Amino acid sequence: MCATKQWSITVEIDEDEDEDSTLAHLTLSTPAGHVVTGVGQAQRNPHDPRVPEIGDELAVARALRNLAERLLHTTEKDISGATGEQAHLHR
């Protein structure tokens, strides 16, 4: 039997034009009620042209990486809880 599940990720991007920085907050929500978050930041080099889309992309990419690491950590804890043994997942 196959099952299709849907998880949702909310992406919030805050740009600070005065600081030339972008901060991305991601929230992953599962149907079981688990919530995992990720954060990423981008800082524009003062010598580079101002292209907000690039800052958005970089901040979100870093937040996705952070979210993935946190989800792996959550999974390790869940495996340890289910098996009673320390779990280490390959990164």
PDB file of N, CA and C in Angstrom:
ATOM      1  N   MET A   1       0.842  -1.177   0.000  1.00  0.00           N
ATOM      2  CA  MET A   1       0.000   0.000   0.000  1.00  0.00           C
ATOM      3  C   MET A   1       0.890   1.244   0.000  1.00  0.00           C
ATOM      4  N   CYS A   2       0.602   2.167  -0.845  1.00  0.00           N
ATOM      5  CA  CYS A   2       1.354   3.421  -0.941  1.00  0.00           C
ATOM      6  C   CYS A   2       0.602   4.523  -0.202  1.00  0.00           C
ATOM      7  N   ALA A   3       1.374   5.446   0.326  1.00  0.00           N
ATOM      8  CA  ALA A   3       0.766   6.590   1.012  1.00  0.00           C
ATOM      9  C   ALA A   3       1.461   7.855   0.537  1.00  0.00           C
ATOM     10  N   THR A   4       0.688   8.868   0.335  1.00  0.00           N
ATOM     11  CA  THR A   4       1.233  10.170  -0.030  1.00  0.00           C
ATOM     12  C   THR A   4       1.020  11.105   1.147  1.00  0.00           C
ATOM     13  N   LYS A   5       2.117  11.749   1.569  1.00  0.00           N
ATOM     14  CA  LYS A   5       2.047  12.683   2.681  1.00  0.00           C
ATOM     15  C   LYS A   5       2.493  14.051   2.202  1.00  0.00           C
ATOM     16  N   GLN A   6       2.003  15.062   2.853  1.00  0.00           N
ATOM     17  CA  GLN A   6       2.385  16.417   2.486  1.00  0.00           C
ATOM     18  C   GLN A   6       2.894  17.144   3.720  1.00  0.00           C
ATOM     19  N   TRP A   7       4.111  17.663   3.613  1.00  0.00           N
ATOM     20  CA  TRP A   7       4.687  18.501   4.649  1.00  0.00           C
ATOM     21  C   TRP A   7       4.766  19.904   4.076  1.00  0.00           C
ATOM     22  N   SER A   8       4.640  20.895   4.930  1.00  0.00           N
ATOM     23  CA  SER A   8       4.653  22.282   4.463  1.00  0.00           C
ATOM     24  C   SER A   8       5.855  23.029   5.050  1.00  0.00           C
ATOM     25  N   ILE A   9       6.462  23.857   4.224  1.00  0.00           N
ATOM     26  CA  ILE A   9       7.535  24.739   4.672  1.00  0.00           C
ATOM     27  C   ILE A   9       7.105  26.173   4.408  1.00  0.00           C
ATOM     28  N   THR A  10       7.148  26.971   5.456  1.00  0.00           N
ATOM     29  CA  THR A  10       6.865  28.395   5.332  1.00  0.00           C
ATOM     30  C   THR A  10       8.198  29.130   5.313  1.00  0.00           C
ATOM     31  N   VAL A  11       8.345  30.048   4.364  1.00  0.00           N
ATOM     32  CA  VAL A  11       9.576  30.825   4.227  1.00  0.00           C
ATOM     33  C   VAL A  11       9.248  32.287   4.469  1.00  0.00           C
ATOM     34  N   GLU A  12       9.938  32.880   5.435  1.00  0.00           N
ATOM     35  CA  GLU A  12       9.806  34.312   5.707  1.00  0.00           C
ATOM     36  C   GLU A  12      11.165  34.960   5.487  1.00  0.00           C
ATOM     37  N   ILE A  13      11.181  36.023   4.704  1.00  0.00           N
ATOM     38  CA  ILE A  13      12.432  36.715   4.376  1.00  0.00           C
ATOM     39  C   ILE A  13      12.330  38.153   4.843  1.00  0.00           C
ATOM     40  N   ASP A  14      13.297  38.553   5.653  1.00  0.00           N
ATOM     41  CA  ASP A  14      13.369  39.934   6.141  1.00  0.00           C
ATOM     42  C   ASP A  14      14.622  40.584   5.576  1.00  0.00           C
ATOM     43  N   GLU A  15      14.431  41.703   4.901  1.00  0.00           N
ATOM     44  CA  GLU A  15      15.559  42.438   4.340  1.00  0.00           C
ATOM     45  C   GLU A  15      15.761  43.727   5.122  1.00  0.00           C
ATOM     46  N   ASP A  16      17.005  44.000   5.451  1.00  0.00           N
ATOM     47  CA  ASP A  16      17.377  45.242   6.124  1.00  0.00           C
ATOM     48  C   ASP A  16      18.252  46.034   5.164  1.00  0.00           C
ATOM     49  N   GLU A  17      17.645  46.983   4.473  1.00  0.00           N
ATOM     50  CA  GLU A  17      18.370  47.745   3.467  1.00  0.00           C
ATOM     51  C   GLU A  17      19.480  48.593   4.074  1.00  0.00           C
ATOM     52  N   ASP A  18      19.282  49.074   5.300  1.00  0.00           N
ATOM     53  CA  ASP A  18      20.306  49.880   5.952  1.00  0.00           C
ATOM     54  C   ASP A  18      21.561  49.059   6.246  1.00  0.00           C
ATOM     55  N   GLU A  19      21.373  47.803   6.591  1.00  0.00           N
ATOM     56  CA  GLU A  19      22.498  46.923   6.930  1.00  0.00           C
ATOM     57  C   GLU A  19      22.939  46.067   5.744  1.00  0.00           C
ATOM     58  N   ASP A  20      22.197  46.140   4.633  1.00  0.00           N
ATOM     59  CA  ASP A  20      22.463  45.291   3.470  1.00  0.00           C
ATOM     60  C   ASP A  20      22.513  43.817   3.857  1.00  0.00           C
ATOM     61  N   SER A  21      21.549  43.389   4.670  1.00  0.00           N
ATOM     62  CA  SER A  21      21.500  41.990   5.087  1.00  0.00           C
ATOM     63  C   SER A  21      20.100  41.428   4.871  1.00  0.00           C
ATOM     64  N   THR A  22      20.053  40.117   4.737  1.00  0.00           N
ATOM     65  CA  THR A  22      18.798  39.394   4.544  1.00  0.00           C
ATOM     66  C   THR A  22      18.779  38.228   5.513  1.00  0.00           C
ATOM     67  N   LEU A  23      17.654  38.035   6.171  1.00  0.00           N
ATOM     68  CA  LEU A  23      17.489  36.943   7.129  1.00  0.00           C
ATOM     69  C   LEU A  23      16.289  36.112   6.699  1.00  0.00           C
ATOM     70  N   ALA A  24      16.493  34.800   6.586  1.00  0.00           N
ATOM     71  CA  ALA A  24      15.409  33.889   6.203  1.00  0.00           C
ATOM     72  C   ALA A  24      15.081  32.963   7.372  1.00  0.00           C
ATOM     73  N   HIS A  25      13.787  32.834   7.657  1.00  0.00           N
ATOM     74  CA  HIS A  25      13.283  31.915   8.688  1.00  0.00           C
ATOM     75  C   HIS A  25      12.409  30.895   7.974  1.00  0.00           C
ATOM     76  N   LEU A  26      12.690  29.608   8.187  1.00  0.00           N
ATOM     77  CA  LEU A  26      11.891  28.538   7.603  1.00  0.00           C
ATOM     78  C   LEU A  26      11.237  27.747   8.722  1.00  0.00           C
ATOM     79  N   THR A  27      10.001  27.341   8.493  1.00  0.00           N
ATOM     80  CA  THR A  27       9.285  26.503   9.444  1.00  0.00           C
ATOM     81  C   THR A  27       8.702  25.314   8.700  1.00  0.00           C
ATOM     82  N   LEU A  28       9.138  24.117   9.099  1.00  0.00           N
ATOM     83  CA  LEU A  28       8.627  22.872   8.533  1.00  0.00           C
ATOM     84  C   LEU A  28       7.569  22.331   9.478  1.00  0.00           C
ATOM     85  N   SER A  29       6.388  22.043   8.951  1.00  0.00           N
ATOM     86  CA  SER A  29       5.293  21.485   9.751  1.00  0.00           C
ATOM     87  C   SER A  29       4.847  20.169   9.129  1.00  0.00           C
ATOM     88  N   THR A  30       4.713  19.144   9.987  1.00  0.00           N
ATOM     89  CA  THR A  30       4.258  17.840   9.509  1.00  0.00           C
ATOM     90  C   THR A  30       2.820  17.606   9.963  1.00  0.00           C
ATOM     91  N   PRO A  31       2.104  16.707   9.300  1.00  0.00           N
ATOM     92  CA  PRO A  31       0.734  16.407   9.719  1.00  0.00           C
ATOM     93  C   PRO A  31       0.664  15.879  11.154  1.00  0.00           C
ATOM     94  N   ALA A  32       1.753  15.277  11.643  1.00  0.00           N
ATOM     95  CA  ALA A  32       1.785  14.753  13.013  1.00  0.00           C
ATOM     96  C   ALA A  32       2.006  15.856  14.045  1.00  0.00           C
ATOM     97  N   GLY A  33       2.179  17.080  13.578  1.00  0.00           N
ATOM     98  CA  GLY A  33       2.341  18.205  14.489  1.00  0.00           C
ATOM     99  C   GLY A  33       3.783  18.551  14.833  1.00  0.00           C
ATOM    100  N   HIS A  34       4.751  17.902  14.191  1.00  0.00           N
ATOM    101  CA  HIS A  34       6.147  18.236  14.423  1.00  0.00           C
ATOM    102  C   HIS A  34       6.479  19.546  13.707  1.00  0.00           C
ATOM    103  N   VAL A  35       7.243  20.379  14.377  1.00  0.00           N
ATOM    104  CA  VAL A  35       7.681  21.644  13.790  1.00  0.00           C
ATOM    105  C   VAL A  35       9.193  21.733  13.943  1.00  0.00           C
ATOM    106  N   VAL A  36       9.880  21.988  12.834  1.00  0.00           N
ATOM    107  CA  VAL A  36      11.331  22.175  12.839  1.00  0.00           C
ATOM    108  C   VAL A  36      11.604  23.483  12.116  1.00  0.00           C
ATOM    109  N   THR A  37      12.528  24.279  12.652  1.00  0.00           N
ATOM    110  CA  THR A  37      12.824  25.578  12.049  1.00  0.00           C
ATOM    111  C   THR A  37      14.268  25.629  11.555  1.00  0.00           C
ATOM    112  N   GLY A  38      14.506  26.554  10.645  1.00  0.00           N
ATOM    113  CA  GLY A  38      15.848  26.807  10.141  1.00  0.00           C
ATOM    114  C   GLY A  38      16.017  28.294   9.912  1.00  0.00           C
ATOM    115  N   VAL A  39      17.254  28.759  10.069  1.00  0.00           N
ATOM    116  CA  VAL A  39      17.556  30.181   9.907  1.00  0.00           C
ATOM    117  C   VAL A  39      18.786  30.322   9.024  1.00  0.00           C
ATOM    118  N   GLY A  40      18.775  31.325   8.158  1.00  0.00           N
ATOM    119  CA  GLY A  40      19.933  31.617   7.317  1.00  0.00           C
ATOM    120  C   GLY A  40      20.045  33.105   7.088  1.00  0.00           C
ATOM    121  N   GLN A  41      21.279  33.567   6.915  1.00  0.00           N
ATOM    122  CA  GLN A  41      21.520  34.995   6.729  1.00  0.00           C
ATOM    123  C   GLN A  41      22.460  35.225   5.549  1.00  0.00           C
ATOM    124  N   ALA A  42      22.257  36.342   4.881  1.00  0.00           N
ATOM    125  CA  ALA A  42      23.150  36.785   3.818  1.00  0.00           C
ATOM    126  C   ALA A  42      23.509  38.241   4.081  1.00  0.00           C
ATOM    127  N   GLN A  43      24.748  38.577   3.820  1.00  0.00           N
ATOM    128  CA  GLN A  43      25.236  39.945   4.012  1.00  0.00           C
ATOM    129  C   GLN A  43      25.892  40.385   2.709  1.00  0.00           C
ATOM    130  N   ARG A  44      25.432  41.510   2.154  1.00  0.00           N
ATOM    131  CA  ARG A  44      25.994  42.004   0.890  1.00  0.00           C
ATOM    132  C   ARG A  44      27.334  42.675   1.144  1.00  0.00           C
ATOM    133  N   ASN A  45      28.288  42.333   0.308  1.00  0.00           N
ATOM    134  CA  ASN A  45      29.570  43.020   0.330  1.00  0.00           C
ATOM    135  C   ASN A  45      29.333  44.449  -0.169  1.00  0.00           C
ATOM    136  N   PRO A  46      29.838  45.457   0.524  1.00  0.00           N
ATOM    137  CA  PRO A  46      29.589  46.844   0.113  1.00  0.00           C
ATOM    138  C   PRO A  46      30.075  47.170  -1.296  1.00  0.00           C
ATOM    139  N   HIS A  47      30.999  46.361  -1.823  1.00  0.00           N
ATOM    140  CA  HIS A  47      31.530  46.602  -3.171  1.00  0.00           C
ATOM    141  C   HIS A  47      30.693  45.942  -4.263  1.00  0.00           C
ATOM    142  N   ASP A  48      29.760  45.085  -3.860  1.00  0.00           N
ATOM    143  CA  ASP A  48      28.912  44.393  -4.827  1.00  0.00           C
ATOM    144  C   ASP A  48      27.668  45.218  -5.127  1.00  0.00           C
ATOM    145  N   PRO A  49      27.100  45.045  -6.328  1.00  0.00           N
ATOM    146  CA  PRO A  49      25.862  45.762  -6.641  1.00  0.00           C
ATOM    147  C   PRO A  49      24.711  45.247  -5.783  1.00  0.00           C
ATOM    148  N   ARG A  50      23.724  46.077  -5.556  1.00  0.00           N
ATOM    149  CA  ARG A  50      22.560  45.702  -4.750  1.00  0.00           C
ATOM    150  C   ARG A  50      21.572  44.929  -5.633  1.00  0.00           C
ATOM    151  N   VAL A  51      21.466  43.631  -5.397  1.00  0.00           N
ATOM    152  CA  VAL A  51      20.527  42.759  -6.107  1.00  0.00           C
ATOM    153  C   VAL A  51      19.804  41.945  -5.037  1.00  0.00           C
ATOM    154  N   PRO A  52      18.645  42.431  -4.564  1.00  0.00           N
ATOM    155  CA  PRO A  52      17.951  41.777  -3.444  1.00  0.00           C
ATOM    156  C   PRO A  52      17.655  40.292  -3.654  1.00  0.00           C
ATOM    157  N   GLU A  53      17.378  39.889  -4.901  1.00  0.00           N
ATOM    158  CA  GLU A  53      17.047  38.494  -5.162  1.00  0.00           C
ATOM    159  C   GLU A  53      18.204  37.567  -4.793  1.00  0.00           C
ATOM    160  N   ILE A  54      19.433  38.031  -4.986  1.00  0.00           N
ATOM    161  CA  ILE A  54      20.597  37.208  -4.654  1.00  0.00           C
ATOM    162  C   ILE A  54      20.681  37.018  -3.146  1.00  0.00           C
ATOM    163  N   GLY A  55      20.454  38.076  -2.395  1.00  0.00           N
ATOM    164  CA  GLY A  55      20.449  37.960  -0.937  1.00  0.00           C
ATOM    165  C   GLY A  55      19.358  37.018  -0.461  1.00  0.00           C
ATOM    166  N   ASP A  56      18.175  37.081  -1.092  1.00  0.00           N
ATOM    167  CA  ASP A  56      17.079  36.178  -0.741  1.00  0.00           C
ATOM    168  C   ASP A  56      17.484  34.728  -0.987  1.00  0.00           C
ATOM    169  N   GLU A  57      18.042  34.477  -2.165  1.00  0.00           N
ATOM    170  CA  GLU A  57      18.442  33.113  -2.521  1.00  0.00           C
ATOM    171  C   GLU A  57      19.467  32.556  -1.540  1.00  0.00           C
ATOM    172  N   LEU A  58      20.471  33.361  -1.225  1.00  0.00           N
ATOM    173  CA  LEU A  58      21.530  32.891  -0.340  1.00  0.00           C
ATOM    174  C   LEU A  58      21.011  32.669   1.076  1.00  0.00           C
ATOM    175  N   ALA A  59      20.214  33.589   1.585  1.00  0.00           N
ATOM    176  CA  ALA A  59      19.670  33.435   2.936  1.00  0.00           C
ATOM    177  C   ALA A  59      18.767  32.208   3.026  1.00  0.00           C
ATOM    178  N   VAL A  60      17.936  31.978   2.017  1.00  0.00           N
ATOM    179  CA  VAL A  60      17.042  30.815   2.023  1.00  0.00           C
ATOM    180  C   VAL A  60      17.843  29.522   1.880  1.00  0.00           C
ATOM    181  N   ALA A  61      18.859  29.521   1.023  1.00  0.00           N
ATOM    182  CA  ALA A  61      19.701  28.326   0.874  1.00  0.00           C
ATOM    183  C   ALA A  61      20.358  27.967   2.207  1.00  0.00           C
ATOM    184  N   ARG A  62      20.864  28.958   2.903  1.00  0.00           N
ATOM    185  CA  ARG A  62      21.495  28.703   4.199  1.00  0.00           C
ATOM    186  C   ARG A  62      20.470  28.246   5.240  1.00  0.00           C
ATOM    187  N   ALA A  63      19.263  28.794   5.170  1.00  0.00           N
ATOM    188  CA  ALA A  63      18.212  28.372   6.094  1.00  0.00           C
ATOM    189  C   ALA A  63      17.782  26.931   5.802  1.00  0.00           C
ATOM    190  N   LEU A  64      17.734  26.546   4.528  1.00  0.00           N
ATOM    191  CA  LEU A  64      17.395  25.170   4.170  1.00  0.00           C
ATOM    192  C   LEU A  64      18.459  24.206   4.690  1.00  0.00           C
ATOM    193  N   ARG A  65      19.730  24.596   4.568  1.00  0.00           N
ATOM    194  CA  ARG A  65      20.817  23.764   5.089  1.00  0.00           C
ATOM    195  C   ARG A  65      20.676  23.613   6.610  1.00  0.00           C
ATOM    196  N   ASN A  66      20.378  24.719   7.293  1.00  0.00           N
ATOM    197  CA  ASN A  66      20.203  24.704   8.739  1.00  0.00           C
ATOM    198  C   ASN A  66      19.001  23.845   9.131  1.00  0.00           C
ATOM    199  N   LEU A  67      17.916  23.971   8.372  1.00  0.00           N
ATOM    200  CA  LEU A  67      16.718  23.172   8.618  1.00  0.00           C
ATOM    201  C   LEU A  67      17.017  21.688   8.437  1.00  0.00           C
ATOM    202  N   ALA A  68      17.747  21.339   7.395  1.00  0.00           N
ATOM    203  CA  ALA A  68      18.084  19.937   7.147  1.00  0.00           C
ATOM    204  C   ALA A  68      18.908  19.368   8.298  1.00  0.00           C
ATOM    205  N   GLU A  69      19.872  20.121   8.797  1.00  0.00           N
ATOM    206  CA  GLU A  69      20.701  19.661   9.906  1.00  0.00           C
ATOM    207  C   GLU A  69      19.856  19.450  11.163  1.00  0.00           C
ATOM    208  N   ARG A  70      18.945  20.374  11.422  1.00  0.00           N
ATOM    209  CA  ARG A  70      18.078  20.244  12.591  1.00  0.00           C
ATOM    210  C   ARG A  70      17.121  19.055  12.453  1.00  0.00           C
ATOM    211  N   LEU A  71      16.629  18.805  11.242  1.00  0.00           N
ATOM    212  CA  LEU A  71      15.736  17.666  11.014  1.00  0.00           C
ATOM    213  C   LEU A  71      16.494  16.353  11.203  1.00  0.00           C
ATOM    214  N   LEU A  72      17.740  16.300  10.736  1.00  0.00           N
ATOM    215  CA  LEU A  72      18.562  15.108  10.961  1.00  0.00           C
ATOM    216  C   LEU A  72      18.784  14.877  12.458  1.00  0.00           C
ATOM    217  N   HIS A  73      19.046  15.943  13.200  1.00  0.00           N
ATOM    218  CA  HIS A  73      19.237  15.829  14.650  1.00  0.00           C
ATOM    219  C   HIS A  73      17.960  15.317  15.318  1.00  0.00           C
ATOM    220  N   THR A  74      16.813  15.838  14.904  1.00  0.00           N
ATOM    221  CA  THR A  74      15.527  15.373  15.433  1.00  0.00           C
ATOM    222  C   THR A  74      15.331  13.887  15.132  1.00  0.00           C
ATOM    223  N   THR A  75      15.702  13.474  13.930  1.00  0.00           N
ATOM    224  CA  THR A  75      15.560  12.074  13.532  1.00  0.00           C
ATOM    225  C   THR A  75      16.454  11.178  14.390  1.00  0.00           C
ATOM    226  N   GLU A  76      17.686  11.630  14.665  1.00  0.00           N
ATOM    227  CA  GLU A  76      18.576  10.862  15.539  1.00  0.00           C
ATOM    228  C   GLU A  76      17.956  10.667  16.916  1.00  0.00           C
ATOM    229  N   LYS A  77      17.385  11.739  17.459  1.00  0.00           N
ATOM    230  CA  LYS A  77      16.742  11.628  18.770  1.00  0.00           C
ATOM    231  C   LYS A  77      15.562  10.665  18.718  1.00  0.00           C
ATOM    232  N   ASP A  78      14.773  10.712  17.654  1.00  0.00           N
ATOM    233  CA  ASP A  78      13.618   9.816  17.515  1.00  0.00           C
ATOM    234  C   ASP A  78      14.064   8.360  17.406  1.00  0.00           C
ATOM    235  N   ILE A  79      15.129   8.114  16.642  1.00  0.00           N
ATOM    236  CA  ILE A  79      15.648   6.746  16.509  1.00  0.00           C
ATOM    237  C   ILE A  79      16.156   6.254  17.864  1.00  0.00           C
ATOM    238  N   SER A  80      16.899   7.102  18.569  1.00  0.00           N
ATOM    239  CA  SER A  80      17.409   6.732  19.892  1.00  0.00           C
ATOM    240  C   SER A  80      16.269   6.419  20.849  1.00  0.00           C
ATOM    241  N   GLY A  81      15.207   7.216  20.789  1.00  0.00           N
ATOM    242  CA  GLY A  81      14.055   6.972  21.647  1.00  0.00           C
ATOM    243  C   GLY A  81      13.345   5.675  21.316  1.00  0.00           C
ATOM    244  N   ALA A  82      13.309   5.319  20.039  1.00  0.00           N
ATOM    245  CA  ALA A  82      12.603   4.111  19.614  1.00  0.00           C
ATOM    246  C   ALA A  82      13.421   2.846  19.862  1.00  0.00           C
ATOM    247  N   THR A  83      14.761   2.969  19.778  1.00  0.00           N
ATOM    248  CA  THR A  83      15.615   1.782  19.897  1.00  0.00           C
ATOM    249  C   THR A  83      16.300   1.665  21.254  1.00  0.00           C
ATOM    250  N   GLY A  84      16.373   2.777  21.991  1.00  0.00           N
ATOM    251  CA  GLY A  84      17.093   2.763  23.255  1.00  0.00           C
ATOM    252  C   GLY A  84      18.599   2.812  23.080  1.00  0.00           C
ATOM    253  N   GLU A  85      19.060   3.035  21.863  1.00  0.00           N
ATOM    254  CA  GLU A  85      20.493   3.111  21.563  1.00  0.00           C
ATOM    255  C   GLU A  85      20.814   4.440  20.902  1.00  0.00           C
ATOM    256  N   GLN A  86      22.057   4.875  21.083  1.00  0.00           N
ATOM    257  CA  GLN A  86      22.526   6.122  20.468  1.00  0.00           C
ATOM    258  C   GLN A  86      22.488   5.981  18.956  1.00  0.00           C
ATOM    259  N   ALA A  87      21.957   6.967  18.255  1.00  0.00           N
ATOM    260  CA  ALA A  87      21.880   6.942  16.793  1.00  0.00           C
ATOM    261  C   ALA A  87      22.762   8.032  16.208  1.00  0.00           C
ATOM    262  N   HIS A  88      23.478   7.698  15.149  1.00  0.00           N
ATOM    263  CA  HIS A  88      24.298   8.677  14.424  1.00  0.00           C
ATOM    264  C   HIS A  88      24.012   8.493  12.925  1.00  0.00           C
ATOM    265  N   LEU A  89      23.419   9.502  12.326  1.00  0.00           N
ATOM    266  CA  LEU A  89      23.115   9.442  10.894  1.00  0.00           C
ATOM    267  C   LEU A  89      24.267  10.032  10.097  1.00  0.00           C
ATOM    268  N   HIS A  90      24.511   9.470   8.924  1.00  0.00           N
ATOM    269  CA  HIS A  90      25.548   9.997   8.047  1.00  0.00           C
ATOM    270  C   HIS A  90      25.107  11.332   7.480  1.00  0.00           C
ATOM    271  N   ARG A  91      26.026  12.265   7.417  1.00  0.00           N
ATOM    272  CA  ARG A  91      25.694  13.598   6.906  1.00  0.00           C
ATOM    273  C   ARG A  91      26.159  13.713   5.472  1.00  0.00           C
TER     274      ARG A  91
END
